[in-house]
Amino acid sequence: MRRMGKKLKAGYLHKRSSDSAKWQLRWFVLYQNLLFYYESENNSRPTGVLLLEGSYCERLSKSPLERNASFCFTISYRRDTQRQYELRAASEVDCVHWVDAIREARSVRLSRSG
């Protein structure tokens, strides 16, 4: 993986796939106001990237259908046409840290120096 200076947070999260109810384990890197995700920590090219400017990051309420739902959160946008991303952390502490970091990163302006 290309090393990014000043990354805010990095770690594994489960991401719900867009076309099904399957969860995929992905390596996420939060850099400035961008959230990159990779198939694994060792990949050099991201599978995707989310621009966090103008996004909302909210915890999901616990669902009786999913035992780990309490560690879930979403990244969504004002426009209905933009995809909502559902992510799941491994623990309560990890979930809180990710949500806080993403909320903080929403207001960061991209800089050319890194």
PDB file of N, CA and C in Angstrom:
ATOM      1  N   MET A   1       0.842  -1.183   0.000  1.00  0.00           N
ATOM      2  CA  MET A   1       0.000   0.000   0.000  1.00  0.00           C
ATOM      3  C   MET A   1       0.879   1.235   0.000  1.00  0.00           C
ATOM      4  N   ARG A   2       0.532   2.201  -0.805  1.00  0.00           N
ATOM      5  CA  ARG A   2       1.247   3.468  -0.826  1.00  0.00           C
ATOM      6  C   ARG A   2       1.086   4.143   0.521  1.00  0.00           C
ATOM      7  N   ARG A   3       2.165   4.602   1.099  1.00  0.00           N
ATOM      8  CA  ARG A   3       2.108   5.260   2.406  1.00  0.00           C
ATOM      9  C   ARG A   3       1.669   6.698   2.238  1.00  0.00           C
ATOM     10  N   MET A   4       0.660   7.084   2.961  1.00  0.00           N
ATOM     11  CA  MET A   4       0.152   8.442   2.902  1.00  0.00           C
ATOM     12  C   MET A   4       0.570   9.171   4.162  1.00  0.00           C
ATOM     13  N   GLY A   5       1.121  10.353   4.005  1.00  0.00           N
ATOM     14  CA  GLY A   5       1.437  11.165   5.165  1.00  0.00           C
ATOM     15  C   GLY A   5       0.159  11.705   5.782  1.00  0.00           C
ATOM     16  N   LYS A   6       0.193  11.936   7.065  1.00  0.00           N
ATOM     17  CA  LYS A   6      -0.911  12.559   7.789  1.00  0.00           C
ATOM     18  C   LYS A   6      -2.235  11.807   7.687  1.00  0.00           C
ATOM     19  N   LYS A   7      -2.187  10.498   7.605  1.00  0.00           N
ATOM     20  CA  LYS A   7      -3.457   9.774   7.621  1.00  0.00           C
ATOM     21  C   LYS A   7      -4.055   9.917   9.011  1.00  0.00           C
ATOM     22  N   LEU A   8      -5.363  10.051   9.072  1.00  0.00           N
ATOM     23  CA  LEU A   8      -6.039  10.267  10.336  1.00  0.00           C
ATOM     24  C   LEU A   8      -6.339   8.958  11.051  1.00  0.00           C
ATOM     25  N   LYS A   9      -6.660   7.928  10.263  1.00  0.00           N
ATOM     26  CA  LYS A   9      -7.031   6.644  10.856  1.00  0.00           C
ATOM     27  C   LYS A   9      -6.930   5.578   9.776  1.00  0.00           C
ATOM     28  N   ALA A  10      -6.604   4.379  10.186  1.00  0.00           N
ATOM     29  CA  ALA A  10      -6.564   3.244   9.266  1.00  0.00           C
ATOM     30  C   ALA A  10      -6.932   1.990  10.040  1.00  0.00           C
ATOM     31  N   GLY A  11      -7.597   1.062   9.352  1.00  0.00           N
ATOM     32  CA  GLY A  11      -7.944  -0.198   9.991  1.00  0.00           C
ATOM     33  C   GLY A  11      -8.985  -0.960   9.196  1.00  0.00           C
ATOM     34  N   TYR A  12      -9.260  -2.163   9.635  1.00  0.00           N
ATOM     35  CA  TYR A  12     -10.244  -3.008   8.959  1.00  0.00           C
ATOM     36  C   TYR A  12     -11.657  -2.698   9.440  1.00  0.00           C
ATOM     37  N   LEU A  13     -12.569  -2.634   8.486  1.00  0.00           N
ATOM     38  CA  LEU A  13     -14.003  -2.518   8.737  1.00  0.00           C
ATOM     39  C   LEU A  13     -14.712  -3.465   7.784  1.00  0.00           C
ATOM     40  N   HIS A  14     -15.899  -3.913   8.159  1.00  0.00           N
ATOM     41  CA  HIS A  14     -16.750  -4.645   7.227  1.00  0.00           C
ATOM     42  C   HIS A  14     -17.618  -3.633   6.495  1.00  0.00           C
ATOM     43  N   LYS A  15     -17.733  -3.814   5.179  1.00  0.00           N
ATOM     44  CA  LYS A  15     -18.557  -2.938   4.346  1.00  0.00           C
ATOM     45  C   LYS A  15     -19.651  -3.782   3.714  1.00  0.00           C
ATOM     46  N   ARG A  16     -20.881  -3.313   3.840  1.00  0.00           N
ATOM     47  CA  ARG A  16     -21.985  -4.047   3.203  1.00  0.00           C
ATOM     48  C   ARG A  16     -21.904  -3.795   1.701  1.00  0.00           C
ATOM     49  N   SER A  17     -21.950  -4.874   0.920  1.00  0.00           N
ATOM     50  CA  SER A  17     -21.860  -4.718  -0.531  1.00  0.00           C
ATOM     51  C   SER A  17     -23.109  -4.033  -1.063  1.00  0.00           C
ATOM     52  N   SER A  18     -22.953  -3.340  -2.176  1.00  0.00           N
ATOM     53  CA  SER A  18     -24.052  -2.532  -2.712  1.00  0.00           C
ATOM     54  C   SER A  18     -25.172  -3.370  -3.312  1.00  0.00           C
ATOM     55  N   ASP A  19     -24.868  -4.584  -3.761  1.00  0.00           N
ATOM     56  CA  ASP A  19     -25.879  -5.375  -4.463  1.00  0.00           C
ATOM     57  C   ASP A  19     -26.447  -6.539  -3.651  1.00  0.00           C
ATOM     58  N   SER A  20     -26.032  -6.660  -2.391  1.00  0.00           N
ATOM     59  CA  SER A  20     -26.565  -7.763  -1.585  1.00  0.00           C
ATOM     60  C   SER A  20     -26.410  -7.453  -0.106  1.00  0.00           C
ATOM     61  N   ALA A  21     -26.777  -8.408   0.695  1.00  0.00           N
ATOM     62  CA  ALA A  21     -26.665  -8.234   2.144  1.00  0.00           C
ATOM     63  C   ALA A  21     -25.330  -8.752   2.672  1.00  0.00           C
ATOM     64  N   LYS A  22     -24.412  -9.093   1.771  1.00  0.00           N
ATOM     65  CA  LYS A  22     -23.120  -9.627   2.197  1.00  0.00           C
ATOM     66  C   LYS A  22     -22.236  -8.535   2.772  1.00  0.00           C
ATOM     67  N   TRP A  23     -21.448  -8.913   3.767  1.00  0.00           N
ATOM     68  CA  TRP A  23     -20.453  -8.011   4.352  1.00  0.00           C
ATOM     69  C   TRP A  23     -19.079  -8.409   3.834  1.00  0.00           C
ATOM     70  N   GLN A  24     -18.278  -7.420   3.458  1.00  0.00           N
ATOM     71  CA  GLN A  24     -16.927  -7.665   2.962  1.00  0.00           C
ATOM     72  C   GLN A  24     -15.929  -6.963   3.880  1.00  0.00           C
ATOM     73  N   LEU A  25     -14.898  -7.686   4.293  1.00  0.00           N
ATOM     74  CA  LEU A  25     -13.854  -7.090   5.118  1.00  0.00           C
ATOM     75  C   LEU A  25     -12.930  -6.282   4.217  1.00  0.00           C
ATOM     76  N   ARG A  26     -12.743  -5.008   4.538  1.00  0.00           N
ATOM     77  CA  ARG A  26     -11.910  -4.108   3.745  1.00  0.00           C
ATOM     78  C   ARG A  26     -10.993  -3.305   4.659  1.00  0.00           C
ATOM     79  N   TRP A  27      -9.837  -2.922   4.132  1.00  0.00           N
ATOM     80  CA  TRP A  27      -8.888  -2.053   4.838  1.00  0.00           C
ATOM     81  C   TRP A  27      -9.228  -0.610   4.472  1.00  0.00           C
ATOM     82  N   PHE A  28      -9.495   0.214   5.466  1.00  0.00           N
ATOM     83  CA  PHE A  28      -9.881   1.609   5.249  1.00  0.00           C
ATOM     84  C   PHE A  28      -8.772   2.542   5.716  1.00  0.00           C
ATOM     85  N   VAL A  29      -8.555   3.605   4.945  1.00  0.00           N
ATOM     86  CA  VAL A  29      -7.588   4.642   5.299  1.00  0.00           C
ATOM     87  C   VAL A  29      -8.284   5.991   5.175  1.00  0.00           C
ATOM     88  N   LEU A  30      -8.324   6.723   6.273  1.00  0.00           N
ATOM     89  CA  LEU A  30      -8.904   8.061   6.299  1.00  0.00           C
ATOM     90  C   LEU A  30      -7.765   9.058   6.141  1.00  0.00           C
ATOM     91  N   TYR A  31      -7.802   9.830   5.053  1.00  0.00           N
ATOM     92  CA  TYR A  31      -6.750  10.791   4.732  1.00  0.00           C
ATOM     93  C   TYR A  31      -7.404  12.101   4.323  1.00  0.00           C
ATOM     94  N   GLN A  32      -7.124  13.165   5.054  1.00  0.00           N
ATOM     95  CA  GLN A  32      -7.768  14.456   4.853  1.00  0.00           C
ATOM     96  C   GLN A  32      -9.285  14.233   4.888  1.00  0.00           C
ATOM     97  N   ASN A  33     -10.006  14.576   3.816  1.00  0.00           N
ATOM     98  CA  ASN A  33     -11.451  14.326   3.819  1.00  0.00           C
ATOM     99  C   ASN A  33     -11.837  13.204   2.853  1.00  0.00           C
ATOM    100  N   LEU A  34     -10.922  12.278   2.653  1.00  0.00           N
ATOM    101  CA  LEU A  34     -11.147  11.132   1.777  1.00  0.00           C
ATOM    102  C   LEU A  34     -11.051   9.841   2.584  1.00  0.00           C
ATOM    103  N   LEU A  35     -11.952   8.916   2.297  1.00  0.00           N
ATOM    104  CA  LEU A  35     -11.917   7.599   2.929  1.00  0.00           C
ATOM    105  C   LEU A  35     -11.672   6.563   1.831  1.00  0.00           C
ATOM    106  N   PHE A  36     -10.456   6.043   1.785  1.00  0.00           N
ATOM    107  CA  PHE A  36     -10.079   5.023   0.805  1.00  0.00           C
ATOM    108  C   PHE A  36     -10.364   3.649   1.390  1.00  0.00           C
ATOM    109  N   TYR A  37     -10.749   2.705   0.522  1.00  0.00           N
ATOM    110  CA  TYR A  37     -10.829   1.321   0.996  1.00  0.00           C
ATOM    111  C   TYR A  37     -10.177   0.386  -0.011  1.00  0.00           C
ATOM    112  N   TYR A  38      -9.545  -0.638   0.552  1.00  0.00           N
ATOM    113  CA  TYR A  38      -8.734  -1.594  -0.193  1.00  0.00           C
ATOM    114  C   TYR A  38      -9.210  -3.004   0.137  1.00  0.00           C
ATOM    115  N   GLU A  39      -8.907  -3.955  -0.755  1.00  0.00           N
ATOM    116  CA  GLU A  39      -9.261  -5.347  -0.459  1.00  0.00           C
ATOM    117  C   GLU A  39      -8.500  -5.859   0.752  1.00  0.00           C
ATOM    118  N   SER A  40      -7.258  -5.399   0.930  1.00  0.00           N
ATOM    119  CA  SER A  40      -6.482  -5.762   2.118  1.00  0.00           C
ATOM    120  C   SER A  40      -5.461  -4.668   2.398  1.00  0.00           C
ATOM    121  N   GLU A  41      -4.828  -4.763   3.533  1.00  0.00           N
ATOM    122  CA  GLU A  41      -3.825  -3.783   3.946  1.00  0.00           C
ATOM    123  C   GLU A  41      -2.636  -3.760   2.985  1.00  0.00           C
ATOM    124  N   ASN A  42      -2.393  -4.865   2.291  1.00  0.00           N
ATOM    125  CA  ASN A  42      -1.231  -4.985   1.413  1.00  0.00           C
ATOM    126  C   ASN A  42      -1.476  -4.508  -0.013  1.00  0.00           C
ATOM    127  N   ASN A  43      -2.718  -4.200  -0.368  1.00  0.00           N
ATOM    128  CA  ASN A  43      -3.006  -3.726  -1.717  1.00  0.00           C
ATOM    129  C   ASN A  43      -2.505  -2.298  -1.903  1.00  0.00           C
ATOM    130  N   SER A  44      -2.018  -2.004  -3.108  1.00  0.00           N
ATOM    131  CA  SER A  44      -1.508  -0.660  -3.386  1.00  0.00           C
ATOM    132  C   SER A  44      -2.555   0.233  -4.044  1.00  0.00           C
ATOM    133  N   ARG A  45      -3.561  -0.364  -4.667  1.00  0.00           N
ATOM    134  CA  ARG A  45      -4.615   0.424  -5.316  1.00  0.00           C
ATOM    135  C   ARG A  45      -5.925   0.281  -4.554  1.00  0.00           C
ATOM    136  N   PRO A  46      -6.563   1.413  -4.271  1.00  0.00           N
ATOM    137  CA  PRO A  46      -7.840   1.323  -3.554  1.00  0.00           C
ATOM    138  C   PRO A  46      -8.935   0.718  -4.425  1.00  0.00           C
ATOM    139  N   THR A  47      -9.835   0.002  -3.789  1.00  0.00           N
ATOM    140  CA  THR A  47     -11.022  -0.519  -4.458  1.00  0.00           C
ATOM    141  C   THR A  47     -12.024   0.605  -4.667  1.00  0.00           C
ATOM    142  N   GLY A  48     -12.007   1.578  -3.749  1.00  0.00           N
ATOM    143  CA  GLY A  48     -12.925   2.710  -3.845  1.00  0.00           C
ATOM    144  C   GLY A  48     -12.482   3.841  -2.944  1.00  0.00           C
ATOM    145  N   VAL A  49     -13.128   4.987  -3.135  1.00  0.00           N
ATOM    146  CA  VAL A  49     -12.829   6.160  -2.312  1.00  0.00           C
ATOM    147  C   VAL A  49     -14.108   6.961  -2.118  1.00  0.00           C
ATOM    148  N   LEU A  50     -14.299   7.471  -0.916  1.00  0.00           N
ATOM    149  CA  LEU A  50     -15.464   8.303  -0.604  1.00  0.00           C
ATOM    150  C   LEU A  50     -14.976   9.702  -0.267  1.00  0.00           C
ATOM    151  N   LEU A  51     -15.566  10.701  -0.902  1.00  0.00           N
ATOM    152  CA  LEU A  51     -15.325  12.087  -0.534  1.00  0.00           C
ATOM    153  C   LEU A  51     -16.268  12.391   0.617  1.00  0.00           C
ATOM    154  N   LEU A  52     -15.716  12.768   1.749  1.00  0.00           N
ATOM    155  CA  LEU A  52     -16.527  12.943   2.953  1.00  0.00           C
ATOM    156  C   LEU A  52     -17.142  14.328   3.073  1.00  0.00           C
ATOM    157  N   GLU A  53     -16.680  15.283   2.276  1.00  0.00           N
ATOM    158  CA  GLU A  53     -17.254  16.628   2.322  1.00  0.00           C
ATOM    159  C   GLU A  53     -18.748  16.550   1.997  1.00  0.00           C
ATOM    160  N   GLY A  54     -19.569  17.115   2.855  1.00  0.00           N
ATOM    161  CA  GLY A  54     -21.015  17.092   2.641  1.00  0.00           C
ATOM    162  C   GLY A  54     -21.686  15.791   3.045  1.00  0.00           C
ATOM    163  N   SER A  55     -20.953  14.901   3.694  1.00  0.00           N
ATOM    164  CA  SER A  55     -21.540  13.616   4.095  1.00  0.00           C
ATOM    165  C   SER A  55     -22.039  13.682   5.535  1.00  0.00           C
ATOM    166  N   TYR A  56     -22.811  12.675   5.884  1.00  0.00           N
ATOM    167  CA  TYR A  56     -23.292  12.491   7.252  1.00  0.00           C
ATOM    168  C   TYR A  56     -22.811  11.130   7.717  1.00  0.00           C
ATOM    169  N   CYS A  57     -22.372  11.053   8.959  1.00  0.00           N
ATOM    170  CA  CYS A  57     -21.951   9.776   9.526  1.00  0.00           C
ATOM    171  C   CYS A  57     -22.767   9.546  10.786  1.00  0.00           C
ATOM    172  N   GLU A  58     -23.557   8.486  10.782  1.00  0.00           N
ATOM    173  CA  GLU A  58     -24.482   8.210  11.886  1.00  0.00           C
ATOM    174  C   GLU A  58     -24.367   6.763  12.328  1.00  0.00           C
ATOM    175  N   ARG A  59     -24.516   6.543  13.624  1.00  0.00           N
ATOM    176  CA  ARG A  59     -24.600   5.183  14.152  1.00  0.00           C
ATOM    177  C   ARG A  59     -25.957   4.597  13.789  1.00  0.00           C
ATOM    178  N   LEU A  60     -25.989   3.296  13.559  1.00  0.00           N
ATOM    179  CA  LEU A  60     -27.251   2.605  13.322  1.00  0.00           C
ATOM    180  C   LEU A  60     -27.769   2.070  14.644  1.00  0.00           C
ATOM    181  N   SER A  61     -29.066   2.125  14.801  1.00  0.00           N
ATOM    182  CA  SER A  61     -29.642   1.551  16.018  1.00  0.00           C
ATOM    183  C   SER A  61     -29.551   0.034  15.928  1.00  0.00           C
ATOM    184  N   LYS A  62     -29.482  -0.592  17.060  1.00  0.00           N
ATOM    185  CA  LYS A  62     -29.313  -2.046  17.110  1.00  0.00           C
ATOM    186  C   LYS A  62     -30.530  -2.747  16.529  1.00  0.00           C
ATOM    187  N   SER A  63     -30.266  -3.663  15.653  1.00  0.00           N
ATOM    188  CA  SER A  63     -31.317  -4.448  15.027  1.00  0.00           C
ATOM    189  C   SER A  63     -31.336  -5.843  15.641  1.00  0.00           C
ATOM    190  N   PRO A  64     -32.512  -6.349  15.983  1.00  0.00           N
ATOM    191  CA  PRO A  64     -32.567  -7.706  16.535  1.00  0.00           C
ATOM    192  C   PRO A  64     -32.170  -8.769  15.514  1.00  0.00           C
ATOM    193  N   LEU A  65     -32.175  -8.398  14.225  1.00  0.00           N
ATOM    194  CA  LEU A  65     -31.843  -9.358  13.176  1.00  0.00           C
ATOM    195  C   LEU A  65     -30.344  -9.577  13.026  1.00  0.00           C
ATOM    196  N   GLU A  66     -29.546  -8.597  13.459  1.00  0.00           N
ATOM    197  CA  GLU A  66     -28.100  -8.721  13.319  1.00  0.00           C
ATOM    198  C   GLU A  66     -27.425  -8.536  14.659  1.00  0.00           C
ATOM    199  N   ARG A  67     -26.668  -9.512  15.059  1.00  0.00           N
ATOM    200  CA  ARG A  67     -26.052  -9.463  16.388  1.00  0.00           C
ATOM    201  C   ARG A  67     -24.987  -8.381  16.511  1.00  0.00           C
ATOM    202  N   ASN A  68     -24.311  -8.025  15.417  1.00  0.00           N
ATOM    203  CA  ASN A  68     -23.257  -7.014  15.479  1.00  0.00           C
ATOM    204  C   ASN A  68     -23.726  -5.638  15.030  1.00  0.00           C
ATOM    205  N   ALA A  69     -25.028  -5.440  14.920  1.00  0.00           N
ATOM    206  CA  ALA A  69     -25.552  -4.177  14.404  1.00  0.00           C
ATOM    207  C   ALA A  69     -25.182  -2.995  15.282  1.00  0.00           C
ATOM    208  N   SER A  70     -24.893  -3.245  16.543  1.00  0.00           N
ATOM    209  CA  SER A  70     -24.566  -2.129  17.429  1.00  0.00           C
ATOM    210  C   SER A  70     -23.230  -1.485  17.069  1.00  0.00           C
ATOM    211  N   PHE A  71     -22.413  -2.153  16.280  1.00  0.00           N
ATOM    212  CA  PHE A  71     -21.133  -1.583  15.859  1.00  0.00           C
ATOM    213  C   PHE A  71     -21.206  -1.018  14.441  1.00  0.00           C
ATOM    214  N   CYS A  72     -22.423  -0.837  13.926  1.00  0.00           N
ATOM    215  CA  CYS A  72     -22.624  -0.373  12.555  1.00  0.00           C
ATOM    216  C   CYS A  72     -22.836   1.133  12.498  1.00  0.00           C
ATOM    217  N   PHE A  73     -22.400   1.706  11.387  1.00  0.00           N
ATOM    218  CA  PHE A  73     -22.651   3.119  11.125  1.00  0.00           C
ATOM    219  C   PHE A  73     -22.769   3.321   9.621  1.00  0.00           C
ATOM    220  N   THR A  74     -23.345   4.441   9.241  1.00  0.00           N
ATOM    221  CA  THR A  74     -23.535   4.733   7.823  1.00  0.00           C
ATOM    222  C   THR A  74     -22.852   6.041   7.459  1.00  0.00           C
ATOM    223  N   ILE A  75     -22.458   6.120   6.203  1.00  0.00           N
ATOM    224  CA  ILE A  75     -22.012   7.371   5.600  1.00  0.00           C
ATOM    225  C   ILE A  75     -22.994   7.639   4.477  1.00  0.00           C
ATOM    226  N   SER A  76     -23.685   8.762   4.567  1.00  0.00           N
ATOM    227  CA  SER A  76     -24.700   9.093   3.570  1.00  0.00           C
ATOM    228  C   SER A  76     -24.536  10.542   3.131  1.00  0.00           C
ATOM    229  N   TYR A  77     -25.306  10.904   2.120  1.00  0.00           N
ATOM    230  CA  TYR A  77     -25.212  12.230   1.515  1.00  0.00           C
ATOM    231  C   TYR A  77     -26.603  12.823   1.375  1.00  0.00           C
ATOM    232  N   ARG A  78     -26.674  14.115   1.181  1.00  0.00           N
ATOM    233  CA  ARG A  78     -27.971  14.794   1.058  1.00  0.00           C
ATOM    234  C   ARG A  78     -28.748  14.330  -0.162  1.00  0.00           C
ATOM    235  N   ARG A  79     -28.040  14.092  -1.233  1.00  0.00           N
ATOM    236  CA  ARG A  79     -28.716  13.672  -2.469  1.00  0.00           C
ATOM    237  C   ARG A  79     -29.115  12.206  -2.383  1.00  0.00           C
ATOM    238  N   ASP A  80     -30.352  11.945  -2.737  1.00  0.00           N
ATOM    239  CA  ASP A  80     -30.841  10.562  -2.720  1.00  0.00           C
ATOM    240  C   ASP A  80     -30.152   9.704  -3.767  1.00  0.00           C
ATOM    241  N   THR A  81     -29.601  10.354  -4.807  1.00  0.00           N
ATOM    242  CA  THR A  81     -28.957   9.603  -5.881  1.00  0.00           C
ATOM    243  C   THR A  81     -27.583   9.078  -5.487  1.00  0.00           C
ATOM    244  N   GLN A  82     -27.016   9.604  -4.397  1.00  0.00           N
ATOM    245  CA  GLN A  82     -25.708   9.130  -3.951  1.00  0.00           C
ATOM    246  C   GLN A  82     -25.873   7.935  -3.023  1.00  0.00           C
ATOM    247  N   ARG A  83     -25.017   6.976  -3.207  1.00  0.00           N
ATOM    248  CA  ARG A  83     -25.076   5.735  -2.439  1.00  0.00           C
ATOM    249  C   ARG A  83     -24.838   5.981  -0.952  1.00  0.00           C
ATOM    250  N   GLN A  84     -25.531   5.223  -0.139  1.00  0.00           N
ATOM    251  CA  GLN A  84     -25.279   5.200   1.303  1.00  0.00           C
ATOM    252  C   GLN A  84     -24.370   4.006   1.587  1.00  0.00           C
ATOM    253  N   TYR A  85     -23.352   4.212   2.394  1.00  0.00           N
ATOM    254  CA  TYR A  85     -22.408   3.156   2.750  1.00  0.00           C
ATOM    255  C   TYR A  85     -22.674   2.705   4.172  1.00  0.00           C
ATOM    256  N   GLU A  86     -22.780   1.400   4.347  1.00  0.00           N
ATOM    257  CA  GLU A  86     -22.988   0.836   5.676  1.00  0.00           C
ATOM    258  C   GLU A  86     -21.726   0.081   6.075  1.00  0.00           C
ATOM    259  N   LEU A  87     -21.175   0.461   7.226  1.00  0.00           N
ATOM    260  CA  LEU A  87     -19.918  -0.111   7.701  1.00  0.00           C
ATOM    261  C   LEU A  87     -20.099  -0.684   9.094  1.00  0.00           C
ATOM    262  N   ARG A  88     -19.260  -1.682   9.425  1.00  0.00           N
ATOM    263  CA  ARG A  88     -19.341  -2.313  10.740  1.00  0.00           C
ATOM    264  C   ARG A  88     -17.940  -2.465  11.320  1.00  0.00           C
ATOM    265  N   ALA A  89     -17.769  -1.968  12.521  1.00  0.00           N
ATOM    266  CA  ALA A  89     -16.497  -2.088  13.237  1.00  0.00           C
ATOM    267  C   ALA A  89     -16.492  -3.370  14.062  1.00  0.00           C
ATOM    268  N   ALA A  90     -15.322  -3.722  14.572  1.00  0.00           N
ATOM    269  CA  ALA A  90     -15.179  -4.952  15.354  1.00  0.00           C
ATOM    270  C   ALA A  90     -15.603  -4.780  16.804  1.00  0.00           C
ATOM    271  N   SER A  91     -15.647  -3.527  17.278  1.00  0.00           N
ATOM    272  CA  SER A  91     -15.978  -3.297  18.684  1.00  0.00           C
ATOM    273  C   SER A  91     -16.645  -1.937  18.846  1.00  0.00           C
ATOM    274  N   GLU A  92     -17.212  -1.714  20.018  1.00  0.00           N
ATOM    275  CA  GLU A  92     -17.835  -0.431  20.336  1.00  0.00           C
ATOM    276  C   GLU A  92     -16.808   0.703  20.291  1.00  0.00           C
ATOM    277  N   VAL A  93     -15.653   0.478  20.893  1.00  0.00           N
ATOM    278  CA  VAL A  93     -14.605   1.506  20.935  1.00  0.00           C
ATOM    279  C   VAL A  93     -14.150   1.864  19.523  1.00  0.00           C
ATOM    280  N   ASP A  94     -13.920   0.854  18.700  1.00  0.00           N
ATOM    281  CA  ASP A  94     -13.488   1.087  17.323  1.00  0.00           C
ATOM    282  C   ASP A  94     -14.554   1.860  16.545  1.00  0.00           C
ATOM    283  N   CYS A  95     -15.806   1.499  16.745  1.00  0.00           N
ATOM    284  CA  CYS A  95     -16.908   2.175  16.065  1.00  0.00           C
ATOM    285  C   CYS A  95     -16.948   3.657  16.438  1.00  0.00           C
ATOM    286  N   VAL A  96     -16.852   3.958  17.714  1.00  0.00           N
ATOM    287  CA  VAL A  96     -16.869   5.350  18.180  1.00  0.00           C
ATOM    288  C   VAL A  96     -15.704   6.131  17.581  1.00  0.00           C
ATOM    289  N   HIS A  97     -14.517   5.529  17.553  1.00  0.00           N
ATOM    290  CA  HIS A  97     -13.345   6.204  16.998  1.00  0.00           C
ATOM    291  C   HIS A  97     -13.512   6.497  15.511  1.00  0.00           C
ATOM    292  N   TRP A  98     -14.039   5.536  14.756  1.00  0.00           N
ATOM    293  CA  TRP A  98     -14.250   5.753  13.326  1.00  0.00           C
ATOM    294  C   TRP A  98     -15.284   6.850  13.078  1.00  0.00           C
ATOM    295  N   VAL A  99     -16.402   6.785  13.770  1.00  0.00           N
ATOM    296  CA  VAL A  99     -17.457   7.792  13.578  1.00  0.00           C
ATOM    297  C   VAL A  99     -16.924   9.181  13.915  1.00  0.00           C
ATOM    298  N   ASP A 100     -16.224   9.316  15.019  1.00  0.00           N
ATOM    299  CA  ASP A 100     -15.664  10.615  15.407  1.00  0.00           C
ATOM    300  C   ASP A 100     -14.662  11.120  14.371  1.00  0.00           C
ATOM    301  N   ALA A 101     -13.779  10.240  13.899  1.00  0.00           N
ATOM    302  CA  ALA A 101     -12.761  10.635  12.921  1.00  0.00           C
ATOM    303  C   ALA A 101     -13.389  11.045  11.590  1.00  0.00           C
ATOM    304  N   ILE A 102     -14.413  10.313  11.151  1.00  0.00           N
ATOM    305  CA  ILE A 102     -15.085  10.642   9.890  1.00  0.00           C
ATOM    306  C   ILE A 102     -15.829  11.960  10.017  1.00  0.00           C
ATOM    307  N   ARG A 103     -16.500  12.164  11.126  1.00  0.00           N
ATOM    308  CA  ARG A 103     -17.208  13.438  11.336  1.00  0.00           C
ATOM    309  C   ARG A 103     -16.235  14.614  11.329  1.00  0.00           C
ATOM    310  N   GLU A 104     -15.088  14.428  11.932  1.00  0.00           N
ATOM    311  CA  GLU A 104     -14.076  15.492  11.945  1.00  0.00           C
ATOM    312  C   GLU A 104     -13.517  15.737  10.542  1.00  0.00           C
ATOM    313  N   ALA A 105     -13.324  14.667   9.781  1.00  0.00           N
ATOM    314  CA  ALA A 105     -12.737  14.772   8.444  1.00  0.00           C
ATOM    315  C   ALA A 105     -13.672  15.427   7.433  1.00  0.00           C
ATOM    316  N   ARG A 106     -14.973  15.436   7.700  1.00  0.00           N
ATOM    317  CA  ARG A 106     -15.932  16.035   6.753  1.00  0.00           C
ATOM    318  C   ARG A 106     -15.608  17.486   6.448  1.00  0.00           C
ATOM    319  N   SER A 107     -15.066  18.203   7.424  1.00  0.00           N
ATOM    320  CA  SER A 107     -14.825  19.635   7.251  1.00  0.00           C
ATOM    321  C   SER A 107     -13.390  19.954   6.836  1.00  0.00           C
ATOM    322  N   VAL A 108     -12.567  18.932   6.643  1.00  0.00           N
ATOM    323  CA  VAL A 108     -11.178  19.148   6.233  1.00  0.00           C
ATOM    324  C   VAL A 108     -11.146  19.468   4.746  1.00  0.00           C
ATOM    325  N   ARG A 109     -10.381  20.477   4.390  1.00  0.00           N
ATOM    326  CA  ARG A 109     -10.195  20.824   2.979  1.00  0.00           C
ATOM    327  C   ARG A 109      -9.001  20.046   2.438  1.00  0.00           C
ATOM    328  N   LEU A 110      -9.117  19.583   1.210  1.00  0.00           N
ATOM    329  CA  LEU A 110      -8.002  18.883   0.588  1.00  0.00           C
ATOM    330  C   LEU A 110      -6.833  19.836   0.418  1.00  0.00           C
ATOM    331  N   SER A 111      -5.640  19.359   0.714  1.00  0.00           N
ATOM    332  CA  SER A 111      -4.451  20.176   0.482  1.00  0.00           C
ATOM    333  C   SER A 111      -3.553  19.459  -0.512  1.00  0.00           C
ATOM    334  N   ARG A 112      -2.778  20.219  -1.228  1.00  0.00           N
ATOM    335  CA  ARG A 112      -1.890  19.629  -2.235  1.00  0.00           C
ATOM    336  C   ARG A 112      -0.639  19.034  -1.615  1.00  0.00           C
ATOM    337  N   SER A 113      -0.235  19.554  -0.482  1.00  0.00           N
ATOM    338  CA  SER A 113       0.953  18.994   0.175  1.00  0.00           C
ATOM    339  C   SER A 113       0.525  17.832   1.050  1.00  0.00           C
ATOM    340  N   GLY A 114       1.343  16.835   1.168  1.00  0.00           N
ATOM    341  CA  GLY A 114       0.917  15.700   1.947  1.00  0.00           C
ATOM    342  C   GLY A 114       2.035  15.132   2.682  1.00  0.00           C
TER     343      GLY A 114
END
